[in-house]
Amino acid sequence: MINNRTEYAIRALWQLSESKDNFSTSEKIALAQEIPGKFLPQILSDLSRAGLVRSVRGYGGGVRLSRPPEKIKLLEILEAIQGTIFLYDCLKGPIDCKKEPDCKLVAVYKKAQEAMKAEFAKVSLTDLRGKKGKKK
């Protein structure tokens, strides 16, 4: 399940994609996207560690995308915040399941997971323009 933290990360990056090459502050992003301000600094820190944003301290600083928005895909954002997404526990690795190794569902789950990840990997921040959040 996509959690609120991931939703906030997507909305923050979408807002930065609208800012062109300018730096923005977490306060401006939070206000524009209606994200609780107390969560955003940590989310931006996680996005920075994942190489999705670049931050500069001091006067005139702030945060901006580390690369063009068309090169940042939703799957990267999801995995930066939540880690690898699994539809079902058995796809994470070996579990104690009485149905193994004859379970027919695991193949269905795996196929659905691959389709979901492929869809998220196709969608960039640029694709979201006009569909997500509020314009500046």
N, C-alpha and C. Protein backbone atom coordinates (compact mmCIF):
# COMPACT_ATOMS: atom_id res chain seq x y z
N MET A 1 0.83 -1.17 0.00
CA MET A 1 0.00 0.00 0.00
C MET A 1 0.88 1.24 0.00
N ILE A 2 0.50 2.23 -0.78
CA ILE A 2 1.25 3.47 -0.81
C ILE A 2 0.80 4.29 0.40
N ASN A 3 1.77 4.66 1.24
CA ASN A 3 1.43 5.37 2.47
C ASN A 3 1.44 6.89 2.27
N ASN A 4 0.98 7.61 3.30
CA ASN A 4 0.92 9.08 3.22
C ASN A 4 2.29 9.70 2.98
N ARG A 5 3.30 9.16 3.61
CA ARG A 5 4.66 9.68 3.46
C ARG A 5 5.09 9.64 1.99
N THR A 6 4.78 8.55 1.31
CA THR A 6 5.11 8.43 -0.11
C THR A 6 4.30 9.40 -0.93
N GLU A 7 3.03 9.55 -0.61
CA GLU A 7 2.18 10.53 -1.30
C GLU A 7 2.76 11.93 -1.14
N TYR A 8 3.20 12.27 0.06
CA TYR A 8 3.80 13.58 0.30
C TYR A 8 5.09 13.75 -0.53
N ALA A 9 5.88 12.70 -0.62
CA ALA A 9 7.11 12.76 -1.40
C ALA A 9 6.81 13.01 -2.87
N ILE A 10 5.83 12.31 -3.40
CA ILE A 10 5.44 12.50 -4.80
C ILE A 10 4.97 13.93 -5.02
N ARG A 11 4.14 14.43 -4.13
CA ARG A 11 3.62 15.79 -4.28
C ARG A 11 4.72 16.83 -4.14
N ALA A 12 5.67 16.60 -3.24
CA ALA A 12 6.79 17.54 -3.07
C ALA A 12 7.65 17.57 -4.34
N LEU A 13 7.94 16.42 -4.89
CA LEU A 13 8.75 16.37 -6.12
C LEU A 13 7.99 16.96 -7.29
N TRP A 14 6.68 16.72 -7.33
CA TRP A 14 5.87 17.33 -8.38
C TRP A 14 5.97 18.85 -8.29
N GLN A 15 5.88 19.38 -7.07
CA GLN A 15 5.98 20.82 -6.87
C GLN A 15 7.34 21.34 -7.33
N LEU A 16 8.39 20.61 -7.02
CA LEU A 16 9.73 21.01 -7.46
C LEU A 16 9.85 20.95 -8.98
N SER A 17 9.15 20.02 -9.60
CA SER A 17 9.21 19.93 -11.07
C SER A 17 8.58 21.16 -11.71
N GLU A 18 7.66 21.81 -11.01
CA GLU A 18 7.04 23.03 -11.49
C GLU A 18 7.93 24.25 -11.26
N SER A 19 8.92 24.12 -10.40
CA SER A 19 9.79 25.25 -10.04
C SER A 19 10.93 25.47 -11.02
N LYS A 20 10.98 24.67 -12.06
CA LYS A 20 12.06 24.71 -13.05
C LYS A 20 13.38 24.45 -12.34
N ASP A 21 14.39 25.30 -12.57
CA ASP A 21 15.71 25.06 -11.98
C ASP A 21 15.92 25.81 -10.67
N ASN A 22 14.90 26.47 -10.17
CA ASN A 22 15.03 27.26 -8.96
C ASN A 22 14.98 26.40 -7.71
N PHE A 23 15.65 26.87 -6.69
CA PHE A 23 15.55 26.21 -5.39
C PHE A 23 14.25 26.64 -4.73
N SER A 24 13.67 25.76 -3.96
CA SER A 24 12.47 26.06 -3.20
C SER A 24 12.72 25.64 -1.76
N THR A 25 11.93 26.12 -0.86
CA THR A 25 12.07 25.73 0.55
C THR A 25 11.00 24.71 0.91
N SER A 26 11.27 23.97 1.97
CA SER A 26 10.28 22.99 2.40
C SER A 26 9.00 23.69 2.84
N GLU A 27 9.12 24.90 3.38
CA GLU A 27 7.93 25.64 3.79
C GLU A 27 7.05 25.97 2.58
N LYS A 28 7.65 26.42 1.50
CA LYS A 28 6.89 26.76 0.29
C LYS A 28 6.23 25.51 -0.31
N ILE A 29 6.98 24.43 -0.33
CA ILE A 29 6.45 23.17 -0.88
C ILE A 29 5.28 22.69 -0.04
N ALA A 30 5.46 22.70 1.28
CA ALA A 30 4.40 22.24 2.19
C ALA A 30 3.14 23.07 2.02
N LEU A 31 3.30 24.37 1.92
CA LEU A 31 2.14 25.25 1.75
C LEU A 31 1.44 25.01 0.42
N ALA A 32 2.20 24.93 -0.66
CA ALA A 32 1.62 24.75 -1.99
C ALA A 32 0.92 23.41 -2.15
N GLN A 33 1.45 22.38 -1.50
CA GLN A 33 0.90 21.03 -1.67
C GLN A 33 0.09 20.53 -0.47
N GLU A 34 -0.12 21.41 0.51
CA GLU A 34 -0.88 21.05 1.70
C GLU A 34 -0.32 19.80 2.39
N ILE A 35 0.99 19.83 2.56
CA ILE A 35 1.71 18.75 3.24
C ILE A 35 2.03 19.23 4.65
N PRO A 36 1.76 18.44 5.68
CA PRO A 36 2.13 18.87 7.03
C PRO A 36 3.63 19.18 7.11
N GLY A 37 3.94 20.41 7.50
CA GLY A 37 5.33 20.88 7.51
C GLY A 37 6.28 20.07 8.35
N LYS A 38 5.77 19.44 9.41
CA LYS A 38 6.67 18.69 10.29
C LYS A 38 7.22 17.42 9.62
N PHE A 39 6.54 16.90 8.60
CA PHE A 39 6.99 15.67 7.93
C PHE A 39 7.97 15.93 6.79
N LEU A 40 7.85 17.08 6.17
CA LEU A 40 8.56 17.31 4.92
C LEU A 40 10.09 17.32 5.02
N PRO A 41 10.71 17.92 6.04
CA PRO A 41 12.18 17.89 6.09
C PRO A 41 12.77 16.48 6.06
N GLN A 42 12.17 15.56 6.81
CA GLN A 42 12.68 14.18 6.82
C GLN A 42 12.45 13.50 5.47
N ILE A 43 11.30 13.76 4.86
CA ILE A 43 11.01 13.19 3.54
C ILE A 43 12.01 13.71 2.52
N LEU A 44 12.28 15.01 2.55
CA LEU A 44 13.27 15.59 1.63
C LEU A 44 14.66 15.04 1.89
N SER A 45 14.97 14.77 3.13
CA SER A 45 16.26 14.15 3.47
C SER A 45 16.36 12.76 2.85
N ASP A 46 15.29 11.97 2.94
CA ASP A 46 15.27 10.64 2.33
C ASP A 46 15.40 10.74 0.80
N LEU A 47 14.73 11.72 0.22
CA LEU A 47 14.81 11.91 -1.24
C LEU A 47 16.21 12.35 -1.66
N SER A 48 16.86 13.12 -0.81
CA SER A 48 18.24 13.53 -1.08
C SER A 48 19.18 12.33 -1.05
N ARG A 49 19.04 11.49 -0.02
CA ARG A 49 19.87 10.28 0.08
C ARG A 49 19.67 9.37 -1.13
N ALA A 50 18.45 9.38 -1.69
CA ALA A 50 18.15 8.54 -2.86
C ALA A 50 18.62 9.20 -4.16
N GLY A 51 19.15 10.42 -4.06
CA GLY A 51 19.65 11.10 -5.24
C GLY A 51 18.58 11.75 -6.10
N LEU A 52 17.41 12.00 -5.53
CA LEU A 52 16.32 12.59 -6.30
C LEU A 52 16.26 14.10 -6.16
N VAL A 53 16.77 14.63 -5.05
CA VAL A 53 16.83 16.07 -4.87
C VAL A 53 18.23 16.48 -4.42
N ARG A 54 18.49 17.75 -4.60
CA ARG A 54 19.76 18.34 -4.17
C ARG A 54 19.41 19.50 -3.26
N SER A 55 20.07 19.60 -2.12
CA SER A 55 19.78 20.70 -1.22
C SER A 55 21.02 21.54 -0.99
N VAL A 56 20.79 22.83 -0.77
CA VAL A 56 21.85 23.78 -0.49
C VAL A 56 21.41 24.60 0.71
N ARG A 57 22.28 24.70 1.70
CA ARG A 57 21.96 25.48 2.91
C ARG A 57 22.32 26.94 2.70
N GLY A 58 21.72 27.77 3.52
CA GLY A 58 22.08 29.19 3.54
C GLY A 58 21.18 30.04 2.67
N TYR A 59 21.53 31.33 2.63
CA TYR A 59 20.74 32.30 1.89
C TYR A 59 20.68 31.92 0.41
N GLY A 60 19.48 31.91 -0.15
CA GLY A 60 19.30 31.55 -1.56
C GLY A 60 19.29 30.06 -1.80
N GLY A 61 19.46 29.30 -0.74
CA GLY A 61 19.48 27.85 -0.87
C GLY A 61 18.08 27.26 -0.81
N GLY A 62 18.05 26.00 -0.61
CA GLY A 62 16.79 25.27 -0.55
C GLY A 62 16.98 23.91 -1.16
N VAL A 63 15.96 23.45 -1.84
CA VAL A 63 16.00 22.13 -2.44
C VAL A 63 15.49 22.22 -3.87
N ARG A 64 16.05 21.37 -4.74
CA ARG A 64 15.58 21.28 -6.12
C ARG A 64 15.81 19.87 -6.62
N LEU A 65 15.21 19.55 -7.75
CA LEU A 65 15.39 18.22 -8.33
C LEU A 65 16.85 18.04 -8.72
N SER A 66 17.34 16.83 -8.60
CA SER A 66 18.72 16.55 -8.96
C SER A 66 18.89 16.28 -10.45
N ARG A 67 17.79 16.03 -11.14
CA ARG A 67 17.83 15.82 -12.59
C ARG A 67 16.48 16.23 -13.19
N PRO A 68 16.38 16.28 -14.50
CA PRO A 68 15.13 16.73 -15.11
C PRO A 68 13.93 15.86 -14.67
N PRO A 69 12.75 16.49 -14.54
CA PRO A 69 11.58 15.75 -14.04
C PRO A 69 11.17 14.58 -14.93
N GLU A 70 11.46 14.64 -16.21
CA GLU A 70 11.09 13.52 -17.08
C GLU A 70 11.95 12.29 -16.82
N LYS A 71 13.05 12.47 -16.08
CA LYS A 71 13.94 11.34 -15.76
C LYS A 71 13.71 10.78 -14.36
N ILE A 72 12.74 11.33 -13.65
CA ILE A 72 12.41 10.82 -12.31
C ILE A 72 11.07 10.10 -12.40
N LYS A 73 11.11 8.81 -12.16
CA LYS A 73 9.92 7.96 -12.29
C LYS A 73 9.29 7.69 -10.92
N LEU A 74 8.01 7.44 -10.93
CA LEU A 74 7.29 7.16 -9.69
C LEU A 74 7.88 5.97 -8.93
N LEU A 75 8.32 4.96 -9.64
CA LEU A 75 8.87 3.78 -8.98
C LEU A 75 10.08 4.16 -8.11
N GLU A 76 10.93 5.04 -8.62
CA GLU A 76 12.09 5.50 -7.83
C GLU A 76 11.64 6.19 -6.55
N ILE A 77 10.62 7.02 -6.66
CA ILE A 77 10.13 7.75 -5.50
C ILE A 77 9.54 6.78 -4.48
N LEU A 78 8.70 5.87 -4.95
CA LEU A 78 8.10 4.87 -4.06
C LEU A 78 9.17 4.09 -3.31
N GLU A 79 10.16 3.61 -4.05
CA GLU A 79 11.19 2.78 -3.42
C GLU A 79 12.13 3.60 -2.54
N ALA A 80 12.31 4.89 -2.84
CA ALA A 80 13.14 5.75 -2.00
C ALA A 80 12.50 5.94 -0.63
N ILE A 81 11.19 5.98 -0.58
CA ILE A 81 10.49 6.22 0.67
C ILE A 81 10.08 4.93 1.37
N GLN A 82 9.57 3.97 0.63
CA GLN A 82 9.03 2.75 1.24
C GLN A 82 9.90 1.52 1.08
N GLY A 83 10.92 1.59 0.24
CA GLY A 83 11.68 0.39 -0.08
C GLY A 83 10.98 -0.38 -1.18
N THR A 84 11.47 -1.55 -1.48
CA THR A 84 10.85 -2.37 -2.52
C THR A 84 9.42 -2.70 -2.12
N ILE A 85 8.52 -2.56 -3.07
CA ILE A 85 7.10 -2.80 -2.80
C ILE A 85 6.74 -4.23 -3.17
N PHE A 86 6.09 -4.91 -2.25
CA PHE A 86 5.65 -6.28 -2.48
C PHE A 86 4.14 -6.35 -2.30
N LEU A 87 3.48 -7.05 -3.22
CA LEU A 87 2.04 -7.21 -3.12
C LEU A 87 1.65 -8.19 -2.02
N TYR A 88 2.52 -9.14 -1.77
CA TYR A 88 2.20 -10.17 -0.79
C TYR A 88 3.49 -10.64 -0.14
N ASP A 89 3.42 -11.06 1.10
CA ASP A 89 4.61 -11.45 1.86
C ASP A 89 5.46 -12.52 1.18
N CYS A 90 4.82 -13.46 0.50
CA CYS A 90 5.58 -14.57 -0.09
C CYS A 90 6.50 -14.10 -1.23
N LEU A 91 6.27 -12.90 -1.74
CA LEU A 91 7.14 -12.39 -2.80
C LEU A 91 8.42 -11.78 -2.25
N LYS A 92 8.48 -11.53 -0.94
CA LYS A 92 9.68 -10.97 -0.31
C LYS A 92 10.79 -12.01 -0.21
N GLY A 93 10.40 -13.25 -0.10
CA GLY A 93 11.39 -14.31 0.07
C GLY A 93 10.74 -15.47 0.80
N PRO A 94 11.53 -16.43 1.20
CA PRO A 94 10.97 -17.61 1.85
C PRO A 94 10.18 -17.25 3.12
N ILE A 95 9.00 -17.82 3.22
CA ILE A 95 8.18 -17.67 4.43
C ILE A 95 7.69 -19.05 4.82
N ASP A 96 7.20 -19.14 6.02
CA ASP A 96 6.66 -20.41 6.51
C ASP A 96 5.21 -20.52 6.05
N CYS A 97 5.01 -21.17 4.91
CA CYS A 97 3.67 -21.28 4.33
C CYS A 97 3.39 -22.74 4.02
N LYS A 98 2.26 -23.22 4.48
CA LYS A 98 1.89 -24.62 4.27
C LYS A 98 1.58 -24.92 2.81
N LYS A 99 1.31 -23.90 2.04
CA LYS A 99 0.94 -24.08 0.63
C LYS A 99 2.16 -24.25 -0.29
N GLU A 100 3.32 -23.84 0.20
CA GLU A 100 4.51 -23.99 -0.63
C GLU A 100 4.87 -25.47 -0.75
N PRO A 101 5.47 -25.94 -1.74
CA PRO A 101 5.88 -25.27 -2.98
C PRO A 101 4.84 -25.38 -4.10
N ASP A 102 3.66 -25.88 -3.79
CA ASP A 102 2.65 -26.11 -4.82
C ASP A 102 1.65 -24.96 -5.00
N CYS A 103 1.91 -23.83 -4.42
CA CYS A 103 0.98 -22.70 -4.48
C CYS A 103 0.91 -22.13 -5.89
N LYS A 104 -0.28 -22.07 -6.41
CA LYS A 104 -0.50 -21.52 -7.75
C LYS A 104 -0.67 -20.00 -7.71
N LEU A 105 -0.99 -19.47 -6.53
CA LEU A 105 -1.21 -18.03 -6.41
C LEU A 105 0.07 -17.21 -6.53
N VAL A 106 1.19 -17.76 -6.09
CA VAL A 106 2.43 -16.99 -6.09
C VAL A 106 2.79 -16.50 -7.50
N ALA A 107 2.53 -17.29 -8.51
CA ALA A 107 2.80 -16.87 -9.89
C ALA A 107 1.90 -15.70 -10.29
N VAL A 108 0.65 -15.74 -9.86
CA VAL A 108 -0.28 -14.65 -10.15
C VAL A 108 0.16 -13.38 -9.42
N TYR A 109 0.51 -13.52 -8.15
CA TYR A 109 0.98 -12.37 -7.37
C TYR A 109 2.22 -11.75 -8.02
N LYS A 110 3.14 -12.61 -8.43
CA LYS A 110 4.39 -12.12 -9.03
C LYS A 110 4.11 -11.36 -10.33
N LYS A 111 3.23 -11.89 -11.15
CA LYS A 111 2.89 -11.23 -12.41
C LYS A 111 2.21 -9.88 -12.16
N ALA A 112 1.32 -9.83 -11.19
CA ALA A 112 0.64 -8.58 -10.84
C ALA A 112 1.63 -7.56 -10.28
N GLN A 113 2.55 -8.02 -9.46
CA GLN A 113 3.57 -7.12 -8.90
C GLN A 113 4.45 -6.55 -10.01
N GLU A 114 4.88 -7.39 -10.93
CA GLU A 114 5.71 -6.92 -12.05
C GLU A 114 4.96 -5.90 -12.90
N ALA A 115 3.67 -6.13 -13.13
CA ALA A 115 2.86 -5.18 -13.91
C ALA A 115 2.73 -3.84 -13.18
N MET A 116 2.52 -3.90 -11.88
CA MET A 116 2.40 -2.68 -11.08
C MET A 116 3.70 -1.89 -11.12
N LYS A 117 4.82 -2.57 -10.90
CA LYS A 117 6.11 -1.89 -10.91
C LYS A 117 6.42 -1.32 -12.30
N ALA A 118 6.07 -2.04 -13.33
CA ALA A 118 6.30 -1.56 -14.70
C ALA A 118 5.50 -0.29 -14.96
N GLU A 119 4.27 -0.24 -14.45
CA GLU A 119 3.44 0.96 -14.63
C GLU A 119 4.05 2.15 -13.90
N PHE A 120 4.47 1.96 -12.66
CA PHE A 120 5.10 3.03 -11.90
C PHE A 120 6.42 3.46 -12.55
N ALA A 121 7.12 2.54 -13.17
CA ALA A 121 8.39 2.86 -13.82
C ALA A 121 8.20 3.66 -15.10
N LYS A 122 7.01 3.63 -15.67
CA LYS A 122 6.73 4.37 -16.91
C LYS A 122 6.37 5.84 -16.64
N VAL A 123 5.85 6.13 -15.47
CA VAL A 123 5.30 7.45 -15.19
C VAL A 123 6.36 8.34 -14.55
N SER A 124 6.61 9.49 -15.20
CA SER A 124 7.58 10.45 -14.68
C SER A 124 6.87 11.62 -14.03
N LEU A 125 7.64 12.47 -13.36
CA LEU A 125 7.08 13.69 -12.79
C LEU A 125 6.46 14.57 -13.87
N THR A 126 7.08 14.60 -15.03
CA THR A 126 6.55 15.39 -16.14
C THR A 126 5.16 14.89 -16.53
N ASP A 127 4.96 13.58 -16.50
CA ASP A 127 3.66 13.00 -16.85
C ASP A 127 2.56 13.43 -15.88
N LEU A 128 2.95 13.80 -14.66
CA LEU A 128 1.97 14.18 -13.64
C LEU A 128 1.53 15.63 -13.74
N ARG A 129 2.23 16.43 -14.49
CA ARG A 129 1.88 17.85 -14.58
C ARG A 129 0.42 18.01 -15.00
N GLY A 130 -0.28 18.81 -14.23
CA GLY A 130 -1.68 19.05 -14.52
C GLY A 130 -2.62 17.99 -13.98
N LYS A 131 -2.04 16.90 -13.40
CA LYS A 131 -2.87 15.82 -12.88
C LYS A 131 -2.80 15.71 -11.37
N LYS A 132 -1.77 16.27 -10.75
CA LYS A 132 -1.53 16.03 -9.34
C LYS A 132 -1.25 17.34 -8.63
N GLY A 133 -1.84 17.54 -7.50
CA GLY A 133 -1.51 18.70 -6.67
C GLY A 133 -2.07 19.99 -7.24
N LYS A 134 -1.54 21.07 -6.72
CA LYS A 134 -1.99 22.40 -7.14
C LYS A 134 -0.89 23.11 -7.89
N LYS A 135 -1.28 23.93 -8.83
CA LYS A 135 -0.31 24.75 -9.56
C LYS A 135 0.11 25.90 -8.68
N LYS A 136 1.31 26.41 -8.91
CA LYS A 136 1.81 27.55 -8.15
C LYS A 136 1.08 28.81 -8.49
